[in-house]
C-alpha atoms as a PDB file:
ATOM      1  CA  MET A   1      62.774  77.204  31.493  1.00  0.00           C
ATOM      2  CA  THR A   2      60.685  76.043  29.193  1.00  0.00           C
ATOM      3  CA  THR A   3      59.325  72.546  30.114  1.00  0.00           C
ATOM      4  CA  PRO A   4      57.670  70.014  27.016  1.00  0.00           C
ATOM      5  CA  ASP A   5      54.568  69.372  27.337  1.00  0.00           C
ATOM      6  CA  ARG A   6      55.147  65.322  27.055  1.00  0.00           C
ATOM      7  CA  PRO A   7      59.064  63.429  27.115  1.00  0.00           C
ATOM      8  CA  THR A   8      60.952  64.672  24.347  1.00  0.00           C
ATOM      9  CA  LEU A   9      62.997  61.392  22.954  1.00  0.00           C
ATOM     10  CA  LEU A  10      66.249  61.756  21.125  1.00  0.00           C
ATOM     11  CA  PHE A  11      68.191  58.862  19.600  1.00  0.00           C
ATOM     12  CA  HIS A  12      71.900  58.834  19.113  1.00  0.00           C
ATOM     13  CA  LEU A  13      73.497  57.365  16.482  1.00  0.00           C
ATOM     14  CA  SER A  14      77.462  57.267  15.755  1.00  0.00           C
ATOM     15  CA  ASP A  15      79.809  55.682  13.076  1.00  0.00           C
ATOM     16  CA  ILE A  16      77.752  53.358  11.386  1.00  0.00           C
ATOM     17  CA  HIS A  17      80.412  52.847   9.166  1.00  0.00           C
ATOM     18  CA  PHE A  18      78.789  51.889   5.741  1.00  0.00           C
ATOM     19  CA  GLY A  19      81.123  49.969   4.447  1.00  0.00           C
ATOM     20  CA  LEU A  20      81.810  47.591   7.886  1.00  0.00           C
ATOM     21  CA  GLU A  21      78.300  48.217   8.865  1.00  0.00           C
ATOM     22  CA  ASP A  22      75.708  45.767  10.835  1.00  0.00           C
ATOM     23  CA  ASP A  23      72.866  44.613   8.921  1.00  0.00           C
ATOM     24  CA  LYS A  24      71.369  43.531  11.300  1.00  0.00           C
ATOM     25  CA  ALA A  25      71.559  46.631  13.902  1.00  0.00           C
ATOM     26  CA  LEU A  26      70.760  48.684  11.889  1.00  0.00           C
ATOM     27  CA  ASP A  27      67.125  47.127  10.731  1.00  0.00           C
ATOM     28  CA  TRP A  28      66.706  47.367  14.042  1.00  0.00           C
ATOM     29  CA  VAL A  29      67.524  50.688  14.522  1.00  0.00           C
ATOM     30  CA  LYS A  30      64.804  51.901  11.622  1.00  0.00           C
ATOM     31  CA  ARG A  31      62.433  49.066  13.529  1.00  0.00           C
ATOM     32  CA  GLU A  32      62.715  51.620  16.712  1.00  0.00           C
ATOM     33  CA  ILE A  33      62.565  54.760  14.673  1.00  0.00           C
ATOM     34  CA  ALA A  34      59.219  53.549  13.070  1.00  0.00           C
ATOM     35  CA  GLU A  35      57.700  52.423  15.958  1.00  0.00           C
ATOM     36  CA  ARG A  36      58.884  55.153  18.764  1.00  0.00           C
ATOM     37  CA  ARG A  37      58.710  57.529  16.315  1.00  0.00           C
ATOM     38  CA  PRO A  38      61.798  59.752  18.078  1.00  0.00           C
ATOM     39  CA  ASP A  39      61.700  63.455  18.176  1.00  0.00           C
ATOM     40  CA  ALA A  40      65.014  63.841  16.029  1.00  0.00           C
ATOM     41  CA  VAL A  41      67.471  61.008  15.108  1.00  0.00           C
ATOM     42  CA  ALA A  42      71.363  62.586  16.007  1.00  0.00           C
ATOM     43  CA  ILE A  43      74.241  61.230  14.009  1.00  0.00           C
ATOM     44  CA  THR A  44      76.873  61.919  15.272  1.00  0.00           C
ATOM     45  CA  GLY A  45      79.642  61.367  12.485  1.00  0.00           C
ATOM     46  CA  ASP A  46      81.768  58.258  10.330  1.00  0.00           C
ATOM     47  CA  LEU A  47      78.329  57.449   8.119  1.00  0.00           C
ATOM     48  CA  THR A  48      81.057  55.274   6.281  1.00  0.00           C
ATOM     49  CA  MET A  49      84.468  53.112   6.090  1.00  0.00           C
ATOM     50  CA  ARG A  50      86.427  54.859   3.863  1.00  0.00           C
ATOM     51  CA  ALA A  51      84.118  57.765   2.227  1.00  0.00           C
ATOM     52  CA  ARG A  52      83.937  55.973  -1.093  1.00  0.00           C
ATOM     53  CA  HIS A  53      81.214  56.607  -3.737  1.00  0.00           C
ATOM     54  CA  ARG A  54      79.187  53.896  -3.260  1.00  0.00           C
ATOM     55  CA  GLU A  55      79.599  53.455   1.029  1.00  0.00           C
ATOM     56  CA  PHE A  56      78.173  57.168   1.139  1.00  0.00           C
ATOM     57  CA  ALA A  57      74.845  55.875  -1.581  1.00  0.00           C
ATOM     58  CA  ALA A  58      74.140  53.145   0.823  1.00  0.00           C
ATOM     59  CA  ALA A  59      74.532  55.830   3.663  1.00  0.00           C
ATOM     60  CA  CYS A  60      72.319  58.428   2.104  1.00  0.00           C
ATOM     61  CA  GLN A  61      69.741  56.102   1.241  1.00  0.00           C
ATOM     62  CA  TRP A  62      68.916  54.311   4.668  1.00  0.00           C
ATOM     63  CA  ILE A  63      68.975  58.066   6.352  1.00  0.00           C
ATOM     64  CA  ARG A  64      66.970  59.564   3.969  1.00  0.00           C
ATOM     65  CA  SER A  65      64.628  56.292   5.020  1.00  0.00           C
ATOM     66  CA  LEU A  66      64.278  57.248   8.488  1.00  0.00           C
ATOM     67  CA  ASP A  67      61.029  58.594   9.740  1.00  0.00           C
ATOM     68  CA  ALA A  68      61.933  61.239  11.681  1.00  0.00           C
ATOM     69  CA  PRO A  69      63.705  64.056  11.820  1.00  0.00           C
ATOM     70  CA  VAL A  70      67.309  63.771  11.838  1.00  0.00           C
ATOM     71  CA  THR A  71      70.627  65.944  11.930  1.00  0.00           C
ATOM     72  CA  VAL A  72      73.999  64.718  10.696  1.00  0.00           C
ATOM     73  CA  GLY A  73      77.718  65.446  11.628  1.00  0.00           C
ATOM     74  CA  ILE A  74      80.426  64.654   9.982  1.00  0.00           C
ATOM     75  CA  GLY A  75      83.319  62.224  10.978  1.00  0.00           C
ATOM     76  CA  ASN A  76      86.435  61.676   9.891  1.00  0.00           C
ATOM     77  CA  HIS A  77      86.213  58.523   7.797  1.00  0.00           C
ATOM     78  CA  ASP A  78      83.345  60.920   5.988  1.00  0.00           C
ATOM     79  CA  MET A  79      86.172  62.913   4.687  1.00  0.00           C
ATOM     80  CA  PRO A  80      87.585  61.161   0.691  1.00  0.00           C
ATOM     81  CA  TYR A  81      90.648  59.340   1.339  1.00  0.00           C
ATOM     82  CA  PHE A  82      91.888  58.658  -1.868  1.00  0.00           C
ATOM     83  CA  ASN A  83      91.223  61.784  -3.561  1.00  0.00           C
ATOM     84  CA  PRO A  84      93.277  64.571  -2.059  1.00  0.00           C
ATOM     85  CA  LEU A  85      92.292  67.181  -4.299  1.00  0.00           C
ATOM     86  CA  GLU A  86      88.523  66.429  -3.574  1.00  0.00           C
ATOM     87  CA  ARG A  87      89.406  66.683  -0.181  1.00  0.00           C
ATOM     88  CA  PHE A  88      91.025  70.031  -0.270  1.00  0.00           C
ATOM     89  CA  VAL A  89      88.766  71.554  -2.766  1.00  0.00           C
ATOM     90  CA  ALA A  90      85.205  70.419  -1.869  1.00  0.00           C
ATOM     91  CA  PRO A  91      85.389  67.467   1.262  1.00  0.00           C
ATOM     92  CA  TYR A  92      81.957  67.721   1.962  1.00  0.00           C
ATOM     93  CA  ARG A  93      80.239  67.162  -1.891  1.00  0.00           C
ATOM     94  CA  ARG A  94      79.618  63.267  -1.183  1.00  0.00           C
ATOM     95  CA  PHE A  95      77.072  64.499   1.359  1.00  0.00           C
ATOM     96  CA  ARG A  96      74.980  66.398  -1.621  1.00  0.00           C
ATOM     97  CA  GLU A  97      71.914  63.746  -1.158  1.00  0.00           C
ATOM     98  CA  ILE A  98      71.684  65.012   2.091  1.00  0.00           C
ATOM     99  CA  GLN A  99      73.292  67.820   2.559  1.00  0.00           C
ATOM    100  CA  GLY A 100      70.006  69.523   4.000  1.00  0.00           C
ATOM    101  CA  LEU A 101      70.698  67.540   7.288  1.00  0.00           C
ATOM    102  CA  VAL A 102      74.400  67.883   7.454  1.00  0.00           C
ATOM    103  CA  GLU A 103      75.086  70.213  10.505  1.00  0.00           C
ATOM    104  CA  ARG A 104      71.506  70.665  10.573  1.00  0.00           C
ATOM    105  CA  GLU A 105      70.036  72.788  14.139  1.00  0.00           C
ATOM    106  CA  ILE A 106      66.811  71.189  15.122  1.00  0.00           C
ATOM    107  CA  ASP A 107      64.625  72.814  17.741  1.00  0.00           C
ATOM    108  CA  LEU A 108      62.539  70.803  19.688  1.00  0.00           C
ATOM    109  CA  PRO A 109      60.055  72.069  22.736  1.00  0.00           C
ATOM    110  CA  GLY A 110      62.738  73.185  25.530  1.00  0.00           C
ATOM    111  CA  LEU A 111      65.487  71.574  23.876  1.00  0.00           C
ATOM    112  CA  ALA A 112      67.960  72.586  20.444  1.00  0.00           C
ATOM    113  CA  VAL A 113      70.487  70.191  18.998  1.00  0.00           C
ATOM    114  CA  ILE A 114      73.038  72.307  18.242  1.00  0.00           C
ATOM    115  CA  PRO A 115      76.490  70.913  15.305  1.00  0.00           C
ATOM    116  CA  LEU A 116      79.787  71.525  15.980  1.00  0.00           C
ATOM    117  CA  LYS A 117      82.012  70.388  13.186  1.00  0.00           C
ATOM    118  CA  THR A 118      84.759  68.653  14.881  1.00  0.00           C
ATOM    119  CA  ALA A 119      86.833  66.950  11.572  1.00  0.00           C
ATOM    120  CA  VAL A 120      89.349  69.198   9.331  1.00  0.00           C
ATOM    121  CA  ARG A 121      90.327  68.740   5.926  1.00  0.00           C
ATOM    122  CA  ALA A 122      93.656  68.778   7.162  1.00  0.00           C
ATOM    123  CA  GLN A 123      95.535  69.485  10.169  1.00  0.00           C
ATOM    124  CA  TRP A 124      99.390  70.503  11.678  1.00  0.00           C
ATOM    125  CA  ARG A 125      99.846  66.412  13.002  1.00  0.00           C
ATOM    126  CA  LEU A 126      99.814  63.605  11.241  1.00  0.00           C
ATOM    127  CA  ASN A 127      97.025  61.901  12.612  1.00  0.00           C
ATOM    128  CA  TRP A 128      94.525  63.736  10.873  1.00  0.00           C
ATOM    129  CA  SER A 129      91.805  61.784  12.620  1.00  0.00           C
ATOM    130  CA  LYS A 130      91.500  63.408  15.532  1.00  0.00           C
ATOM    131  CA  GLY A 131      89.232  66.010  16.132  1.00  0.00           C
ATOM    132  CA  TRP A 132      90.736  69.769  15.719  1.00  0.00           C
ATOM    133  CA  VAL A 133      88.013  72.508  16.947  1.00  0.00           C
ATOM    134  CA  THR A 134      88.619  75.383  14.772  1.00  0.00           C
ATOM    135  CA  ARG A 135      87.395  79.015  15.896  1.00  0.00           C
ATOM    136  CA  PRO A 136      85.265  79.501  13.385  1.00  0.00           C
ATOM    137  CA  ALA A 137      83.717  76.276  13.909  1.00  0.00           C
ATOM    138  CA  LEU A 138      83.197  77.125  17.821  1.00  0.00           C
ATOM    139  CA  ALA A 139      81.735  80.913  17.424  1.00  0.00           C
ATOM    140  CA  GLN A 140      79.377  79.656  14.387  1.00  0.00           C
ATOM    141  CA  CYS A 141      78.421  76.978  17.332  1.00  0.00           C
ATOM    142  CA  LEU A 142      78.255  79.371  20.304  1.00  0.00           C
ATOM    143  CA  ALA A 143      76.415  82.198  18.041  1.00  0.00           C
ATOM    144  CA  ALA A 144      73.672  79.480  17.708  1.00  0.00           C
ATOM    145  CA  ILE A 145      73.145  78.713  21.397  1.00  0.00           C
ATOM    146  CA  ASP A 146      73.439  82.382  22.491  1.00  0.00           C
ATOM    147  CA  ALA A 147      70.488  82.879  20.111  1.00  0.00           C
ATOM    148  CA  LEU A 148      68.090  80.029  21.470  1.00  0.00           C
ATOM    149  CA  PRO A 149      64.564  81.744  23.176  1.00  0.00           C
ATOM    150  CA  ALA A 150      65.387  81.837  26.932  1.00  0.00           C
ATOM    151  CA  GLY A 151      64.879  78.536  28.827  1.00  0.00           C
ATOM    152  CA  VAL A 152      65.525  76.358  25.536  1.00  0.00           C
ATOM    153  CA  ARG A 153      68.943  73.765  26.708  1.00  0.00           C
ATOM    154  CA  ALA A 154      71.185  73.107  24.556  1.00  0.00           C
ATOM    155  CA  LEU A 155      73.182  70.070  23.427  1.00  0.00           C
ATOM    156  CA  VAL A 156      75.917  69.824  21.615  1.00  0.00           C
ATOM    157  CA  ALA A 157      76.600  67.057  18.492  1.00  0.00           C
ATOM    158  CA  VAL A 158      80.044  67.195  17.611  1.00  0.00           C
ATOM    159  CA  HIS A 159      81.723  63.631  15.910  1.00  0.00           C
ATOM    160  CA  HIS A 160      84.724  63.993  18.481  1.00  0.00           C
ATOM    161  CA  PRO A 161      84.624  63.724  22.112  1.00  0.00           C
ATOM    162  CA  LEU A 162      85.818  67.253  23.175  1.00  0.00           C
ATOM    163  CA  ARG A 163      88.442  65.592  25.303  1.00  0.00           C
ATOM    164  CA  GLU A 164      92.261  66.914  24.873  1.00  0.00           C
ATOM    165  CA  VAL A 165      94.338  65.700  27.226  1.00  0.00           C
ATOM    166  CA  GLY A 166      94.694  62.362  29.485  1.00  0.00           C
ATOM    167  CA  THR A 167      95.409  59.979  26.270  1.00  0.00           C
ATOM    168  CA  LYS A 168      98.571  58.555  25.098  1.00  0.00           C
ATOM    169  CA  GLY A 169     100.656  60.192  22.633  1.00  0.00           C
ATOM    170  CA  THR A 170      99.288  63.954  20.653  1.00  0.00           C
ATOM    171  CA  ALA A 171      95.706  65.258  22.061  1.00  0.00           C
ATOM    172  CA  LEU A 172      92.709  63.388  21.089  1.00  0.00           C
ATOM    173  CA  THR A 173      90.994  66.574  20.194  1.00  0.00           C
ATOM    174  CA  HIS A 174      92.716  69.946  19.512  1.00  0.00           C
ATOM    175  CA  GLY A 175      90.927  72.605  20.978  1.00  0.00           C
ATOM    176  CA  GLY A 176      88.748  70.215  22.880  1.00  0.00           C
ATOM    177  CA  SER A 177      89.156  71.654  26.456  1.00  0.00           C
ATOM    178  CA  ALA A 178      89.140  75.953  25.309  1.00  0.00           C
ATOM    179  CA  ALA A 179      85.633  74.091  23.717  1.00  0.00           C
ATOM    180  CA  LEU A 180      84.444  72.511  26.598  1.00  0.00           C
ATOM    181  CA  ALA A 181      84.921  75.652  28.789  1.00  0.00           C
ATOM    182  CA  GLU A 182      82.899  78.167  26.685  1.00  0.00           C
ATOM    183  CA  LEU A 183      79.856  75.536  26.474  1.00  0.00           C
ATOM    184  CA  ALA A 184      80.012  75.302  30.415  1.00  0.00           C
ATOM    185  CA  ARG A 185      79.761  79.138  30.426  1.00  0.00           C
ATOM    186  CA  ARG A 186      76.527  78.412  28.082  1.00  0.00           C
ATOM    187  CA  GLY A 187      75.014  75.606  30.867  1.00  0.00           C
ATOM    188  CA  VAL A 188      75.019  73.168  28.135  1.00  0.00           C
ATOM    189  CA  LEU A 189      72.634  69.986  28.831  1.00  0.00           C
ATOM    190  CA  GLY A 190      75.375  68.087  27.286  1.00  0.00           C
ATOM    191  CA  VAL A 191      77.984  66.850  24.087  1.00  0.00           C
ATOM    192  CA  LEU A 192      76.925  64.181  21.840  1.00  0.00           C
ATOM    193  CA  SER A 193      79.814  62.349  20.294  1.00  0.00           C
ATOM    194  CA  GLY A 194      81.271  59.200  18.749  1.00  0.00           C
ATOM    195  CA  HIS A 195      84.530  58.063  17.411  1.00  0.00           C
ATOM    196  CA  VAL A 196      85.557  55.988  19.589  1.00  0.00           C
ATOM    197  CA  HIS A 197      82.777  53.243  19.530  1.00  0.00           C
ATOM    198  CA  ASP A 198      82.227  52.693  23.029  1.00  0.00           C
ATOM    199  CA  PRO A 199      79.021  54.386  25.287  1.00  0.00           C
ATOM    200  CA  PHE A 200      79.777  56.826  27.699  1.00  0.00           C
ATOM    201  CA  ASP A 201      78.826  59.122  30.191  1.00  0.00           C
ATOM    202  CA  ILE A 202      81.186  60.759  32.075  1.00  0.00           C
ATOM    203  CA  VAL A 203      80.922  64.538  33.860  1.00  0.00           C
ATOM    204  CA  GLU A 204      84.399  66.826  32.732  1.00  0.00           C
ATOM    205  CA  ASP A 205      84.906  69.738  34.613  1.00  0.00           C
ATOM    206  CA  THR A 206      86.399  73.066  32.645  1.00  0.00           C
ATOM    207  CA  ALA A 207      87.652  76.399  34.159  1.00  0.00           C
ATOM    208  CA  ALA A 208      84.218  77.427  33.696  1.00  0.00           C
ATOM    209  CA  GLY A 209      82.271  74.888  35.957  1.00  0.00           C
ATOM    210  CA  PRO A 210      81.197  71.259  34.626  1.00  0.00           C
ATOM    211  CA  VAL A 211      79.683  69.509  31.361  1.00  0.00           C
ATOM    212  CA  ARG A 212      78.403  66.310  30.603  1.00  0.00           C
ATOM    213  CA  MET A 213      79.909  64.396  27.863  1.00  0.00           C
ATOM    214  CA  ILE A 214      77.674  61.359  26.211  1.00  0.00           C
ATOM    215  CA  GLY A 215      79.166  59.710  23.935  1.00  0.00           C
ATOM    216  CA  ALA A 216      77.431  56.459  21.418  1.00  0.00           C
ATOM    217  CA  GLY A 217      79.204  53.186  20.736  1.00  0.00           C
ATOM    218  CA  THR A 218      78.871  51.935  16.854  1.00  0.00           C
ATOM    219  CA  LEU A 219      76.362  50.668  14.658  1.00  0.00           C
ATOM    220  CA  SER A 220      79.295  48.767  12.521  1.00  0.00           C
ATOM    221  CA  LEU A 221      81.056  45.227  13.076  1.00  0.00           C
ATOM    222  CA  ARG A 222      84.166  47.666  13.963  1.00  0.00           C
ATOM    223  CA  LEU A 223      83.709  46.637  17.604  1.00  0.00           C
ATOM    224  CA  ARG A 224      86.336  48.159  20.520  1.00  0.00           C
ATOM    225  CA  SER A 225      84.346  46.466  24.104  1.00  0.00           C
ATOM    226  CA  THR A 226      80.805  46.727  23.946  1.00  0.00           C
ATOM    227  CA  PRO A 227      78.451  45.472  21.205  1.00  0.00           C
ATOM    228  CA  PRO A 228      76.358  47.586  18.032  1.00  0.00           C
ATOM    229  CA  SER A 229      74.433  50.065  19.909  1.00  0.00           C
ATOM    230  CA  PHE A 230      73.330  53.812  20.323  1.00  0.00           C
ATOM    231  CA  ASN A 231      72.102  55.929  23.116  1.00  0.00           C
ATOM    232  CA  GLU A 232      68.248  56.721  23.685  1.00  0.00           C
ATOM    233  CA  LEU A 233      67.858  60.143  24.949  1.00  0.00           C
ATOM    234  CA  THR A 234      64.760  61.275  27.523  1.00  0.00           C
ATOM    235  CA  TRP A 235      64.402  64.798  28.027  1.00  0.00           C
ATOM    236  CA  ASP A 236      61.266  65.679  30.385  1.00  0.00           C
ATOM    237  CA  GLY A 237      62.577  69.464  31.410  1.00  0.00           C
ATOM    238  CA  GLU A 238      64.667  69.116  34.354  1.00  0.00           C
ATOM    239  CA  ALA A 239      66.500  65.834  33.574  1.00  0.00           C
ATOM    240  CA  LEU A 240      67.936  64.134  30.629  1.00  0.00           C
ATOM    241  CA  THR A 241      67.816  60.476  31.018  1.00  0.00           C
ATOM    242  CA  VAL A 242      70.537  58.834  28.579  1.00  0.00           C
ATOM    243  CA  ARG A 243      70.492  54.676  27.464  1.00  0.00           C
ATOM    244  CA  ALA A 244      73.025  52.588  25.529  1.00  0.00           C
ATOM    245  CA  ARG A 245      70.211  50.570  23.547  1.00  0.00           C
ATOM    246  CA  ASN A 246      71.718  47.060  22.649  1.00  0.00           C
ATOM    247  CA  LEU A 247      70.156  43.920  21.055  1.00  0.00           C
ATOM    248  CA  ASP A 248      72.163  41.624  23.670  1.00  0.00           C
ATOM    249  CA  GLU A 249      70.217  43.811  26.292  1.00  0.00           C
ATOM    250  CA  VAL A 250      73.221  44.403  28.403  1.00  0.00           C
ATOM    251  CA  PRO A 251      72.808  47.234  31.008  1.00  0.00           C
ATOM    252  CA  THR A 252      73.286  50.629  30.275  1.00  0.00           C
ATOM    253  CA  ARG A 253      76.024  51.093  32.541  1.00  0.00           C
ATOM    254  CA  ALA A 254      77.871  47.685  31.946  1.00  0.00           C
ATOM    255  CA  MET A 255      78.280  49.269  28.327  1.00  0.00           C
ATOM    256  CA  GLN A 256      79.407  52.449  29.371  1.00  0.00           C
ATOM    257  CA  ILE A 257      83.144  53.064  29.605  1.00  0.00           C
ATOM    258  CA  GLU A 258      84.583  55.631  32.376  1.00  0.00           C
ATOM    259  CA  ASP A 259      87.407  57.141  30.020  1.00  0.00           C
ATOM    260  CA  VAL A 260      87.394  58.490  27.068  1.00  0.00           C
ATOM    261  CA  PRO A 261      89.532  55.951  24.457  1.00  0.00           C
ATOM    262  CA  GLU A 262      92.410  56.814  22.762  1.00  0.00           C
ATOM    263  CA  ASN A 263      91.222  55.755  19.352  1.00  0.00           C
ATOM    264  CA  ALA A 264      87.964  53.457  18.060  1.00  0.00           C
ATOM    265  CA  LEU A 265      90.791  49.992  18.205  1.00  0.00           C
ATOM    266  CA  PRO A 266      90.131  47.526  21.254  1.00  0.00           C
ATOM    267  CA  PRO A 267      92.013  47.825  24.150  1.00  0.00           C
ATOM    268  CA  ARG A 268      95.289  45.757  24.379  1.00  0.00           C
ATOM    269  CA  GLU A 269      96.959  47.572  26.372  1.00  0.00           C
ATOM    270  CA  PRO A 270      97.038  47.507  30.769  1.00  0.00           C
ATOM    271  CA  GLY A 271      94.523  50.252  32.038  1.00  0.00           C
ATOM    272  CA  GLU A 272      92.932  51.276  28.619  1.00  0.00           C
ATOM    273  CA  PRO A 273      89.133  51.957  29.551  1.00  0.00           C
ATOM    274  CA  VAL A 274      87.105  49.298  28.640  1.00  0.00           C
ATOM    275  CA  ALA A 275      82.890  48.672  29.732  1.00  0.00           C
ATOM    276  CA  PRO A 276      82.423  45.991  31.999  1.00  0.00           C
ATOM    277  CA  VAL A 277      80.645  44.304  29.902  1.00  0.00           C
ATOM    278  CA  ARG A 278      84.251  43.632  28.046  1.00  0.00           C
ATOM    279  CA  ARG A 279      83.155  42.154  24.832  1.00  0.00           C
ATOM    280  CA  VAL A 280      86.753  42.693  23.771  1.00  0.00           C
ATOM    281  CA  PRO A 281      87.342  40.973  19.864  1.00  0.00           C
ATOM    282  CA  ARG A 282      90.323  38.462  19.635  1.00  0.00           C
ATOM    283  CA  VAL A 283      91.388  40.687  17.134  1.00  0.00           C
ATOM    284  CA  ASP A 284      91.532  43.332  15.387  1.00  0.00           C
ATOM    285  CA  PRO A 285      88.843  44.473  13.354  1.00  0.00           C
ATOM    286  CA  PRO A 286      89.298  45.030  10.285  1.00  0.00           C
ATOM    287  CA  VAL A 287      89.676  48.569   8.755  1.00  0.00           C
ATOM    288  CA  HIS A 288      90.735  48.221   5.400  1.00  0.00           C
END
């Protein structure tokens, strides 16, 4: 195993949702990046609220201003909503200002951040907001992991949590269970995700062994049960430590939910996952 000379610091952001972004939270995160100088920043999708051009322009401007290596994932909210032709023909055209950062592998001492796409332009179910791991996307991710030098550990960055069963209705992420099993066989350090707007740090059992799933909260006004936050990850070559950073200074364990919810909407039914802090909005946040 390769041990870094000093702990590696990684900031994990997700679900910024420009168009419904939290300016106070974004200014704070940008200051933290400038002052703490993380080795890398992983943004796991949903840069925008409705993939509008003005939302992408604001998102790309903010991301380009960050003084750190950045990798950006694609979320379901980043696929064109109002232009079906563009969604099917050129769904990632609006990322062109940060094209070099999209699904970019980042290599650090003893650690690599490997992307795995879970947002698709269409799927065989009505709810296209959910995740889908295609065979080509998984094969590309696994090939990147297999090509890493001996001793280098992998963090896999996705948008949708790779949870396929245990949710209401249809599967959360189609192909998630198979993907997790393949990642377990390769001993990945963890899977970074977003989508559900509350942070979590849980271990998922698979047929090939356990996999750590680490979810980041949102930096938008579309809150679920916790205040805006991001994850601060520290890797010392032996242990990966996760802190759910937030302006309210809520402790990490009080920020994290213990299961993966169906979606990013606040819990309204008994038994839905909710963080101990229980900052559930009185009304559902705006979507349109």
